[in-house]
């Protein structure tokens, strides 16, 4: 997606740990997780250019977003969600959602998430379904533009 949006031609290297490759100067750019990277950035072994989320991270507010760096409306984040079989009764879905939302909004979970570099956004079933569909479309288009093919 970055290639198409930024008009660059970056080569994806599918071997090795991207963090080790970046520290060893074997690659010129790597997409890595903040919790693994920040200690290396703070020690001067790596330079953080931007975060790929829509907003700056709470654990690294000094690092701009890709969007702030000039590539407007760019967002590429790893996300997690809970799913249930499609025939799960609505009442069970509502109960599960209530318990999950309560857990996710608890002080203990929020502290864990924040210190591990995660930004938590609660989406209910309908919103999450819409989000998954928008991600499918976004990444499907990115794959089509890249010309990548499954082998």
N, C-alpha and C. Protein backbone atom coordinates (compact mmCIF):
# COMPACT_ATOMS: atom_id res chain seq x y z
N UNK A 1 0.83 -1.18 0.00
CA UNK A 1 0.00 0.00 0.00
C UNK A 1 0.87 1.25 0.00
N UNK A 2 1.98 1.22 0.72
CA UNK A 2 2.86 2.38 0.76
C UNK A 2 3.43 2.67 -0.62
N UNK A 3 3.82 1.62 -1.35
CA UNK A 3 4.35 1.82 -2.71
C UNK A 3 3.37 2.60 -3.57
N UNK A 4 2.13 2.16 -3.61
CA UNK A 4 1.13 2.80 -4.47
C UNK A 4 0.80 4.21 -3.99
N UNK A 5 0.61 4.39 -2.71
CA UNK A 5 0.21 5.70 -2.18
C UNK A 5 1.33 6.72 -2.27
N UNK A 6 2.58 6.29 -2.02
CA UNK A 6 3.70 7.23 -2.00
C UNK A 6 4.40 7.35 -3.34
N UNK A 7 4.06 6.47 -4.28
CA UNK A 7 4.71 6.51 -5.58
C UNK A 7 6.17 6.08 -5.52
N UNK A 8 6.45 5.12 -4.65
CA UNK A 8 7.81 4.60 -4.52
C UNK A 8 7.82 3.13 -4.88
N UNK A 9 9.00 2.57 -5.02
CA UNK A 9 9.13 1.16 -5.35
C UNK A 9 10.01 0.49 -4.30
N UNK A 10 9.39 0.10 -3.19
CA UNK A 10 10.11 -0.57 -2.12
C UNK A 10 10.06 -2.07 -2.33
N UNK A 11 11.18 -2.72 -2.14
CA UNK A 11 11.26 -4.17 -2.30
C UNK A 11 11.00 -4.84 -0.95
N UNK A 12 10.05 -5.76 -0.91
CA UNK A 12 9.76 -6.51 0.31
C UNK A 12 10.75 -7.65 0.43
N UNK A 13 11.49 -7.70 1.54
CA UNK A 13 12.43 -8.77 1.80
C UNK A 13 11.76 -9.72 2.78
N UNK A 14 11.46 -10.93 2.32
CA UNK A 14 10.68 -11.87 3.12
C UNK A 14 11.54 -12.85 3.90
N UNK A 15 12.72 -12.45 4.29
CA UNK A 15 13.58 -13.35 5.03
C UNK A 15 14.14 -12.63 6.24
N UNK A 16 14.15 -13.30 7.36
CA UNK A 16 14.76 -12.74 8.55
C UNK A 16 13.85 -11.82 9.33
N UNK A 17 14.34 -11.43 10.48
CA UNK A 17 13.62 -10.53 11.37
C UNK A 17 13.87 -9.10 10.93
N UNK A 18 12.82 -8.35 10.59
CA UNK A 18 13.03 -6.99 10.08
C UNK A 18 13.74 -6.08 11.07
N UNK A 19 13.54 -6.27 12.34
CA UNK A 19 14.20 -5.43 13.34
C UNK A 19 15.71 -5.68 13.34
N UNK A 20 16.10 -6.95 13.34
CA UNK A 20 17.53 -7.29 13.29
C UNK A 20 18.16 -6.81 11.99
N UNK A 21 17.43 -6.95 10.90
CA UNK A 21 17.95 -6.50 9.61
C UNK A 21 18.15 -4.99 9.59
N UNK A 22 17.25 -4.25 10.23
CA UNK A 22 17.39 -2.79 10.28
C UNK A 22 18.55 -2.37 11.16
N UNK A 23 18.67 -2.97 12.34
CA UNK A 23 19.78 -2.64 13.25
C UNK A 23 21.11 -2.98 12.58
N UNK A 24 21.15 -4.10 11.86
CA UNK A 24 22.37 -4.51 11.17
C UNK A 24 22.61 -3.78 9.86
N UNK A 25 21.73 -2.85 9.52
CA UNK A 25 21.82 -2.06 8.29
C UNK A 25 21.81 -2.91 7.02
N UNK A 26 21.04 -4.01 7.07
CA UNK A 26 20.88 -4.87 5.90
C UNK A 26 19.67 -4.47 5.07
N UNK A 27 18.78 -3.68 5.67
CA UNK A 27 17.64 -3.10 4.96
C UNK A 27 17.60 -1.62 5.29
N UNK A 28 16.99 -0.85 4.41
CA UNK A 28 16.95 0.60 4.60
C UNK A 28 15.68 1.08 5.29
N UNK A 29 14.69 0.23 5.38
CA UNK A 29 13.41 0.59 5.98
C UNK A 29 12.74 -0.67 6.48
N UNK A 30 12.12 -0.60 7.65
CA UNK A 30 11.42 -1.77 8.18
C UNK A 30 10.13 -1.32 8.87
N UNK A 31 9.10 -2.13 8.74
CA UNK A 31 7.85 -1.93 9.45
C UNK A 31 7.87 -2.88 10.64
N UNK A 32 7.91 -2.32 11.84
CA UNK A 32 8.07 -3.13 13.05
C UNK A 32 7.14 -2.63 14.14
N UNK A 33 6.96 -3.44 15.18
CA UNK A 33 6.07 -3.07 16.27
C UNK A 33 6.74 -2.05 17.20
N UNK A 34 5.94 -1.17 17.78
CA UNK A 34 6.53 -0.14 18.64
C UNK A 34 7.21 -0.68 19.89
N UNK A 35 6.65 -1.68 20.53
CA UNK A 35 7.24 -2.14 21.78
C UNK A 35 8.63 -2.73 21.57
N UNK A 36 8.84 -3.41 20.46
CA UNK A 36 10.15 -3.97 20.17
C UNK A 36 11.13 -2.90 19.70
N UNK A 37 10.62 -1.87 19.06
CA UNK A 37 11.46 -0.87 18.42
C UNK A 37 11.86 0.29 19.32
N UNK A 38 10.97 0.75 20.18
CA UNK A 38 11.24 1.95 20.96
C UNK A 38 12.53 1.91 21.78
N UNK A 39 12.87 0.80 22.43
CA UNK A 39 14.15 0.79 23.15
C UNK A 39 15.35 1.03 22.22
N UNK A 40 15.27 0.51 21.01
CA UNK A 40 16.36 0.70 20.04
C UNK A 40 16.37 2.13 19.50
N UNK A 41 15.21 2.73 19.39
CA UNK A 41 15.13 4.13 18.97
C UNK A 41 15.70 5.02 20.07
N UNK A 42 15.30 4.76 21.29
CA UNK A 42 15.76 5.60 22.42
C UNK A 42 17.24 5.44 22.69
N UNK A 43 17.82 4.29 22.34
CA UNK A 43 19.26 4.09 22.53
C UNK A 43 20.07 4.61 21.35
N UNK A 44 19.39 5.06 20.30
CA UNK A 44 20.08 5.62 19.14
C UNK A 44 20.47 4.60 18.08
N UNK A 45 20.08 3.34 18.24
CA UNK A 45 20.43 2.32 17.25
C UNK A 45 19.54 2.37 16.02
N UNK A 46 18.35 2.92 16.17
CA UNK A 46 17.43 3.10 15.04
C UNK A 46 16.83 4.50 15.12
N UNK A 47 16.35 4.98 13.99
CA UNK A 47 15.65 6.26 13.95
C UNK A 47 14.21 5.98 13.54
N UNK A 48 13.27 6.45 14.33
CA UNK A 48 11.85 6.28 14.01
C UNK A 48 11.43 7.38 13.05
N UNK A 49 10.87 6.99 11.93
CA UNK A 49 10.41 7.97 10.95
C UNK A 49 8.96 8.34 11.18
N UNK A 50 8.11 7.35 11.42
CA UNK A 50 6.68 7.60 11.59
C UNK A 50 6.00 6.34 12.09
N UNK A 51 4.82 6.53 12.67
CA UNK A 51 3.96 5.40 13.02
C UNK A 51 2.88 5.30 11.95
N UNK A 52 2.41 4.10 11.69
CA UNK A 52 1.45 3.89 10.61
C UNK A 52 0.00 4.03 11.05
N UNK A 53 -0.22 4.32 12.31
CA UNK A 53 -1.59 4.51 12.81
C UNK A 53 -2.10 5.90 12.41
N UNK A 54 -3.40 6.09 12.55
CA UNK A 54 -4.01 7.37 12.19
C UNK A 54 -3.64 8.48 13.17
N UNK A 55 -3.31 8.10 14.41
CA UNK A 55 -2.90 9.11 15.38
C UNK A 55 -1.62 8.66 16.07
N UNK A 56 -0.93 9.60 16.68
CA UNK A 56 0.32 9.29 17.39
C UNK A 56 0.06 8.31 18.53
N UNK A 57 1.07 7.52 18.85
CA UNK A 57 0.93 6.54 19.92
C UNK A 57 1.16 7.19 21.28
N UNK A 58 0.39 6.78 22.26
CA UNK A 58 0.54 7.30 23.61
C UNK A 58 1.92 7.04 24.19
N UNK A 59 2.55 5.92 23.83
CA UNK A 59 3.88 5.60 24.37
C UNK A 59 5.00 6.26 23.58
N UNK A 60 4.66 6.92 22.47
CA UNK A 60 5.68 7.59 21.65
C UNK A 60 5.08 8.83 21.00
N UNK A 61 4.63 9.79 21.80
CA UNK A 61 3.95 10.95 21.24
C UNK A 61 4.84 11.85 20.39
N UNK A 62 6.14 11.67 20.50
CA UNK A 62 7.08 12.49 19.72
C UNK A 62 7.27 11.97 18.29
N UNK A 63 6.79 10.78 17.99
CA UNK A 63 6.95 10.22 16.65
C UNK A 63 5.70 10.55 15.83
N UNK A 64 5.87 11.24 14.70
CA UNK A 64 4.70 11.62 13.89
C UNK A 64 4.07 10.42 13.19
N UNK A 65 2.87 10.64 12.70
CA UNK A 65 2.21 9.61 11.89
C UNK A 65 2.67 9.75 10.45
N UNK A 66 2.46 8.71 9.65
CA UNK A 66 2.76 8.78 8.22
C UNK A 66 1.95 9.90 7.60
N UNK A 67 0.70 10.03 8.02
CA UNK A 67 -0.17 11.09 7.50
C UNK A 67 0.40 12.47 7.79
N UNK A 68 0.87 12.68 9.01
CA UNK A 68 1.49 13.96 9.37
C UNK A 68 2.77 14.22 8.59
N UNK A 69 3.41 13.14 8.18
CA UNK A 69 4.67 13.26 7.44
C UNK A 69 4.46 13.55 5.96
N UNK A 70 3.22 13.64 5.53
CA UNK A 70 2.95 14.03 4.16
C UNK A 70 2.07 13.11 3.34
N UNK A 71 1.90 11.88 3.77
CA UNK A 71 1.07 10.94 3.03
C UNK A 71 -0.31 10.92 3.68
N UNK A 72 -1.14 11.85 3.31
CA UNK A 72 -2.43 12.08 3.95
C UNK A 72 -3.33 10.85 3.98
N UNK A 73 -4.03 10.70 5.08
CA UNK A 73 -5.04 9.65 5.29
C UNK A 73 -4.45 8.23 5.21
N UNK A 74 -3.19 8.08 5.55
CA UNK A 74 -2.55 6.76 5.54
C UNK A 74 -2.75 6.13 6.92
N UNK A 75 -3.18 4.89 6.92
CA UNK A 75 -3.31 4.14 8.16
C UNK A 75 -3.16 2.66 7.83
N UNK A 76 -2.22 2.03 8.47
CA UNK A 76 -2.00 0.59 8.30
C UNK A 76 -1.65 0.03 9.68
N UNK A 77 -2.61 -0.56 10.32
CA UNK A 77 -2.40 -1.05 11.67
C UNK A 77 -2.80 -2.52 11.79
N UNK A 78 -2.17 -3.19 12.72
CA UNK A 78 -2.59 -4.55 13.06
C UNK A 78 -3.78 -4.41 14.01
N UNK A 79 -4.79 -5.19 13.81
CA UNK A 79 -5.95 -5.11 14.68
C UNK A 79 -6.41 -6.51 15.04
N UNK A 80 -7.08 -6.57 16.16
CA UNK A 80 -7.59 -7.84 16.66
C UNK A 80 -9.06 -7.67 17.00
N UNK A 81 -9.81 -8.71 16.83
CA UNK A 81 -11.22 -8.65 17.17
C UNK A 81 -11.71 -10.02 17.59
N UNK A 82 -12.84 -10.02 18.22
CA UNK A 82 -13.49 -11.26 18.64
C UNK A 82 -14.60 -11.58 17.66
N UNK A 83 -14.69 -12.84 17.26
CA UNK A 83 -15.74 -13.28 16.36
C UNK A 83 -16.40 -14.53 16.96
N UNK A 84 -17.62 -14.77 16.55
CA UNK A 84 -18.36 -15.97 16.97
C UNK A 84 -18.96 -16.59 15.72
N UNK A 85 -19.34 -17.86 15.79
CA UNK A 85 -20.00 -18.47 14.63
C UNK A 85 -21.24 -17.67 14.24
N UNK A 86 -21.54 -17.61 12.96
CA UNK A 86 -22.62 -16.76 12.46
C UNK A 86 -24.00 -17.10 13.01
N UNK A 87 -24.20 -18.32 13.44
CA UNK A 87 -25.52 -18.71 13.95
C UNK A 87 -25.65 -18.52 15.47
N UNK A 88 -24.70 -17.85 16.07
CA UNK A 88 -24.78 -17.59 17.50
C UNK A 88 -25.99 -16.69 17.79
N UNK A 89 -26.84 -17.09 18.72
CA UNK A 89 -28.03 -16.27 19.03
C UNK A 89 -27.66 -14.85 19.45
N UNK A 90 -28.48 -13.90 19.05
CA UNK A 90 -28.24 -12.48 19.35
C UNK A 90 -28.07 -12.22 20.84
N UNK A 91 -28.84 -12.90 21.66
CA UNK A 91 -28.74 -12.69 23.10
C UNK A 91 -27.35 -13.06 23.62
N UNK A 92 -26.80 -14.15 23.12
CA UNK A 92 -25.46 -14.57 23.53
C UNK A 92 -24.44 -13.55 23.04
N UNK A 93 -24.61 -13.07 21.82
CA UNK A 93 -23.70 -12.05 21.28
C UNK A 93 -23.74 -10.81 22.18
N UNK A 94 -24.91 -10.37 22.57
CA UNK A 94 -25.03 -9.17 23.43
C UNK A 94 -24.34 -9.39 24.78
N UNK A 95 -24.50 -10.57 25.36
CA UNK A 95 -23.86 -10.85 26.65
C UNK A 95 -22.34 -10.86 26.49
N UNK A 96 -21.85 -11.54 25.46
CA UNK A 96 -20.41 -11.57 25.21
C UNK A 96 -19.86 -10.16 24.98
N UNK A 97 -20.56 -9.37 24.16
CA UNK A 97 -20.13 -8.00 23.90
C UNK A 97 -20.04 -7.19 25.19
N UNK A 98 -21.04 -7.33 26.05
CA UNK A 98 -21.05 -6.57 27.30
C UNK A 98 -19.86 -6.95 28.18
N UNK A 99 -19.57 -8.24 28.28
CA UNK A 99 -18.44 -8.69 29.10
C UNK A 99 -17.10 -8.25 28.49
N UNK A 100 -16.98 -8.38 27.18
CA UNK A 100 -15.74 -7.96 26.53
C UNK A 100 -15.53 -6.45 26.66
N UNK A 101 -16.58 -5.70 26.46
CA UNK A 101 -16.47 -4.24 26.56
C UNK A 101 -16.09 -3.84 27.99
N UNK A 102 -16.67 -4.49 28.97
CA UNK A 102 -16.35 -4.21 30.37
C UNK A 102 -14.88 -4.50 30.66
N UNK A 103 -14.39 -5.62 30.15
CA UNK A 103 -12.99 -5.99 30.35
C UNK A 103 -12.06 -5.00 29.66
N UNK A 104 -12.35 -4.69 28.42
CA UNK A 104 -11.49 -3.80 27.64
C UNK A 104 -11.45 -2.40 28.23
N UNK A 105 -12.52 -1.97 28.84
CA UNK A 105 -12.57 -0.62 29.43
C UNK A 105 -12.11 -0.59 30.89
N UNK A 106 -11.70 -1.73 31.42
CA UNK A 106 -11.23 -1.75 32.81
C UNK A 106 -9.87 -1.06 32.91
N UNK A 107 -9.59 -0.50 34.07
CA UNK A 107 -8.32 0.21 34.28
C UNK A 107 -7.13 -0.73 34.08
N UNK A 108 -7.26 -1.96 34.55
CA UNK A 108 -6.15 -2.92 34.43
C UNK A 108 -5.85 -3.22 32.96
N UNK A 109 -6.88 -3.44 32.16
CA UNK A 109 -6.67 -3.73 30.74
C UNK A 109 -6.13 -2.51 30.01
N UNK A 110 -6.69 -1.33 30.31
CA UNK A 110 -6.21 -0.11 29.66
C UNK A 110 -4.74 0.14 29.95
N UNK A 111 -4.32 -0.11 31.20
CA UNK A 111 -2.90 0.05 31.55
C UNK A 111 -2.05 -0.95 30.78
N UNK A 112 -2.48 -2.19 30.75
CA UNK A 112 -1.75 -3.21 29.98
C UNK A 112 -1.64 -2.81 28.52
N UNK A 113 -2.73 -2.41 27.92
CA UNK A 113 -2.73 -2.05 26.50
C UNK A 113 -1.81 -0.87 26.24
N UNK A 114 -1.92 0.16 27.05
CA UNK A 114 -1.12 1.37 26.84
C UNK A 114 0.37 1.08 26.98
N UNK A 115 0.76 0.32 28.00
CA UNK A 115 2.18 0.05 28.21
C UNK A 115 2.75 -0.93 27.18
N UNK A 116 1.89 -1.66 26.51
CA UNK A 116 2.38 -2.57 25.47
C UNK A 116 2.28 -1.95 24.08
N UNK A 117 1.93 -0.67 24.02
CA UNK A 117 1.91 0.04 22.74
C UNK A 117 0.65 -0.13 21.93
N UNK A 118 -0.39 -0.63 22.54
CA UNK A 118 -1.65 -0.84 21.83
C UNK A 118 -2.63 0.29 22.11
N UNK A 119 -3.32 0.69 21.09
CA UNK A 119 -4.38 1.68 21.23
C UNK A 119 -5.69 0.91 21.08
N UNK A 120 -6.56 1.00 22.06
CA UNK A 120 -7.78 0.20 22.08
C UNK A 120 -8.97 1.04 21.62
N UNK A 121 -9.71 0.49 20.68
CA UNK A 121 -10.95 1.09 20.21
C UNK A 121 -12.03 0.03 20.28
N UNK A 122 -13.11 0.33 20.97
CA UNK A 122 -14.20 -0.63 21.06
C UNK A 122 -15.15 -0.43 19.89
N UNK A 123 -15.43 -1.51 19.17
CA UNK A 123 -16.44 -1.51 18.12
C UNK A 123 -17.42 -2.63 18.42
N UNK A 124 -18.70 -2.34 18.39
CA UNK A 124 -19.71 -3.38 18.56
C UNK A 124 -19.78 -4.25 17.31
N UNK A 125 -20.62 -5.25 17.32
CA UNK A 125 -20.71 -6.21 16.22
C UNK A 125 -20.88 -5.57 14.85
N UNK A 126 -21.87 -4.69 14.72
CA UNK A 126 -22.13 -4.07 13.41
C UNK A 126 -20.97 -3.20 12.96
N UNK A 127 -20.44 -2.39 13.89
CA UNK A 127 -19.31 -1.51 13.55
C UNK A 127 -18.09 -2.34 13.16
N UNK A 128 -17.84 -3.42 13.92
CA UNK A 128 -16.67 -4.24 13.63
C UNK A 128 -16.83 -4.95 12.28
N UNK A 129 -18.02 -5.41 11.98
CA UNK A 129 -18.27 -6.03 10.66
C UNK A 129 -17.99 -5.03 9.54
N UNK A 130 -18.44 -3.80 9.72
CA UNK A 130 -18.19 -2.75 8.71
C UNK A 130 -16.70 -2.46 8.60
N UNK A 131 -16.02 -2.41 9.74
CA UNK A 131 -14.58 -2.15 9.73
C UNK A 131 -13.83 -3.27 9.01
N UNK A 132 -14.18 -4.51 9.30
CA UNK A 132 -13.51 -5.63 8.62
C UNK A 132 -13.72 -5.56 7.12
N UNK A 133 -14.92 -5.20 6.69
CA UNK A 133 -15.20 -5.08 5.26
C UNK A 133 -14.38 -3.94 4.65
N UNK A 134 -14.27 -2.82 5.33
CA UNK A 134 -13.47 -1.71 4.79
C UNK A 134 -12.00 -2.09 4.71
N UNK A 135 -11.51 -2.84 5.67
CA UNK A 135 -10.13 -3.32 5.62
C UNK A 135 -9.92 -4.31 4.47
N UNK A 136 -10.90 -5.19 4.25
CA UNK A 136 -10.81 -6.14 3.14
C UNK A 136 -10.71 -5.40 1.82
N UNK A 137 -11.52 -4.38 1.65
CA UNK A 137 -11.50 -3.59 0.42
C UNK A 137 -10.16 -2.85 0.29
N UNK A 138 -9.73 -2.19 1.36
CA UNK A 138 -8.48 -1.42 1.33
C UNK A 138 -7.29 -2.30 0.97
N UNK A 139 -7.15 -3.43 1.66
CA UNK A 139 -6.00 -4.29 1.42
C UNK A 139 -6.13 -5.07 0.11
N UNK A 140 -7.34 -5.39 -0.29
CA UNK A 140 -7.54 -6.03 -1.59
C UNK A 140 -7.06 -5.13 -2.71
N UNK A 141 -7.41 -3.85 -2.60
CA UNK A 141 -6.96 -2.87 -3.60
C UNK A 141 -5.44 -2.73 -3.57
N UNK A 142 -4.85 -2.73 -2.39
CA UNK A 142 -3.39 -2.63 -2.27
C UNK A 142 -2.71 -3.83 -2.94
N UNK A 143 -3.26 -5.01 -2.74
CA UNK A 143 -2.69 -6.21 -3.36
C UNK A 143 -2.84 -6.14 -4.87
N UNK A 144 -4.01 -5.74 -5.36
CA UNK A 144 -4.22 -5.62 -6.81
C UNK A 144 -3.24 -4.62 -7.43
N UNK A 145 -3.08 -3.47 -6.79
CA UNK A 145 -2.15 -2.45 -7.31
C UNK A 145 -0.71 -2.93 -7.32
N UNK A 146 -0.36 -3.75 -6.33
CA UNK A 146 1.02 -4.21 -6.23
C UNK A 146 1.35 -5.28 -7.26
N UNK A 147 0.32 -5.96 -7.74
CA UNK A 147 0.56 -7.05 -8.68
C UNK A 147 0.98 -8.34 -8.00
N UNK A 148 0.93 -8.37 -6.67
CA UNK A 148 1.32 -9.58 -5.93
C UNK A 148 0.39 -10.73 -6.27
N UNK A 149 0.96 -11.92 -6.28
CA UNK A 149 0.17 -13.11 -6.58
C UNK A 149 0.54 -14.22 -5.60
N UNK A 150 -0.43 -15.03 -5.25
CA UNK A 150 -0.18 -16.18 -4.38
C UNK A 150 0.55 -17.24 -5.19
N UNK A 151 1.52 -17.86 -4.59
CA UNK A 151 2.28 -18.91 -5.28
C UNK A 151 2.12 -20.23 -4.56
